Amino acid sequence: MMQIGFHHIYHRKNSRQQPYTVSHTGLAGLFDKSAFIMGVVSVAANLPQLIAVWTRPNISGVSVISWIGFFLGSVFWLAYGLVHKAKPIIVMNGMLIVVQGLVVVGLLRH
């Protein structure tokens, strides 16, 4: 009688041990296949700011606090991806950490 209602804990615990798998059918498959592409697009969207911070003498209007926040958010999502073995999350946030880290370093050097 005590186990009634607690069976979901066992199933959730076991489901966390399964690595991320790509679905090959339907809408889920489309999203899974496009995750890497969107990861690259997300990183590319940060590149103009990176170039501006490192090449322009005037960086007024660029908030170091915001970029530190973006960087810390990417660190969290990388850790999340590693725990859940989600390759698209790991790859995208690994790249974002590099780009956002370089933006932060560029801002701090001014």
Protein backbone atom coordinates (compact mmCIF):
# COMPACT_ATOMS: atom_id res chain seq x y z
CA MET A 1 0.00 0.00 0.00
CA MET A 2 2.91 2.40 0.65
CA GLN A 3 4.22 2.08 -2.90
CA ILE A 4 1.07 3.46 -4.49
CA GLY A 5 1.88 6.82 -6.03
CA PHE A 6 5.64 6.37 -5.86
CA HIS A 7 6.15 4.23 -8.93
CA HIS A 8 6.72 7.36 -11.05
CA ILE A 9 9.90 8.15 -9.07
CA TYR A 10 11.41 4.84 -10.16
CA HIS A 11 10.49 5.45 -13.80
CA ARG A 12 11.81 9.03 -13.75
CA LYS A 13 15.07 7.90 -12.15
CA ASN A 14 15.58 5.25 -14.81
CA SER A 15 14.61 7.53 -17.69
CA ARG A 16 17.38 9.99 -16.75
CA GLN A 17 19.98 7.38 -17.49
CA GLN A 18 19.00 7.14 -21.14
CA PRO A 19 21.11 9.28 -23.50
CA TYR A 20 19.55 11.77 -25.85
CA THR A 21 18.27 10.10 -28.97
CA VAL A 22 17.30 11.66 -32.27
CA SER A 23 13.79 10.96 -33.44
CA HIS A 24 13.55 10.23 -37.15
CA THR A 25 9.83 10.68 -37.67
CA GLY A 26 7.30 13.47 -37.69
CA LEU A 27 7.62 16.91 -36.21
CA ALA A 28 9.95 15.72 -33.43
CA GLY A 29 12.32 14.34 -36.06
CA LEU A 30 12.31 17.65 -37.91
CA PHE A 31 13.19 19.54 -34.74
CA ASP A 32 15.88 17.03 -33.78
CA LYS A 33 17.53 17.25 -37.19
CA SER A 34 17.41 21.04 -37.25
CA ALA A 35 18.79 21.47 -33.72
CA PHE A 36 22.42 21.50 -34.88
CA ILE A 37 21.65 23.96 -37.68
CA MET A 38 19.91 26.33 -35.29
CA GLY A 39 22.80 25.97 -32.87
CA VAL A 40 25.20 27.21 -35.54
CA VAL A 41 22.81 30.05 -36.43
CA SER A 42 22.60 31.05 -32.75
CA VAL A 43 26.37 31.18 -32.46
CA ALA A 44 26.69 33.09 -35.74
CA ALA A 45 24.25 35.70 -34.42
CA ASN A 46 26.79 36.55 -31.71
CA LEU A 47 29.71 36.98 -34.09
CA PRO A 48 28.98 40.60 -35.21
CA GLN A 49 29.09 41.71 -31.56
CA LEU A 50 32.34 39.80 -31.02
CA ILE A 51 33.92 41.45 -34.05
CA ALA A 52 32.70 44.89 -32.99
CA VAL A 53 34.04 44.55 -29.45
CA TRP A 54 37.48 43.52 -30.65
CA THR A 55 37.84 45.93 -33.60
CA ARG A 56 36.08 49.16 -32.62
CA PRO A 57 37.63 51.60 -30.18
CA ASN A 58 34.23 52.75 -28.90
CA ILE A 59 32.08 50.07 -27.28
CA SER A 60 29.59 52.36 -25.56
CA GLY A 61 26.17 50.83 -25.37
CA VAL A 62 27.46 47.26 -24.94
CA SER A 63 26.70 45.91 -21.48
CA VAL A 64 29.33 43.68 -19.90
CA ILE A 65 26.75 42.63 -17.28
CA SER A 66 24.42 41.34 -20.00
CA TRP A 67 27.20 39.40 -21.71
CA ILE A 68 28.34 37.88 -18.43
CA GLY A 69 24.71 36.82 -17.92
CA PHE A 70 24.58 35.24 -21.39
CA PHE A 71 27.88 33.48 -20.68
CA LEU A 72 26.65 32.09 -17.34
CA GLY A 73 23.40 30.98 -18.97
CA SER A 74 25.38 29.06 -21.58
CA VAL A 75 27.50 27.45 -18.85
CA PHE A 76 24.30 26.26 -17.17
CA TRP A 77 22.87 24.88 -20.42
CA LEU A 78 26.15 23.13 -21.21
CA ALA A 79 26.03 21.43 -17.81
CA TYR A 80 22.38 20.54 -18.43
CA GLY A 81 23.26 19.04 -21.80
CA LEU A 82 26.11 17.03 -20.29
CA VAL A 83 23.88 15.64 -17.55
CA HIS A 84 21.19 14.68 -20.06
CA LYS A 85 23.68 13.65 -22.77
CA ALA A 86 21.95 15.95 -25.27
CA LYS A 87 24.51 16.46 -28.02
CA PRO A 88 22.83 19.49 -29.70
CA ILE A 89 22.71 21.35 -26.38
CA ILE A 90 26.33 20.43 -25.60
CA VAL A 91 27.66 21.49 -29.00
CA MET A 92 25.70 24.74 -29.23
CA ASN A 93 26.46 25.93 -25.72
CA GLY A 94 30.09 24.89 -25.96
CA MET A 95 30.44 27.15 -28.99
CA LEU A 96 28.45 29.92 -27.31
CA ILE A 97 30.71 29.81 -24.25
CA VAL A 98 33.74 30.43 -26.46
CA VAL A 99 32.14 33.31 -28.38
CA GLN A 100 30.46 34.92 -25.38
CA GLY A 101 33.61 34.49 -23.29
CA LEU A 102 35.61 36.32 -25.95
CA VAL A 103 33.02 39.13 -25.97
CA VAL A 104 33.29 39.45 -22.18
CA VAL A 105 37.11 39.47 -22.34
CA GLY A 106 36.96 42.08 -25.12
CA LEU A 107 34.65 44.27 -23.04
CA LEU A 108 36.77 43.94 -19.91
CA ARG A 109 39.96 44.90 -21.73
CA HIS A 110 38.50 48.38 -22.48
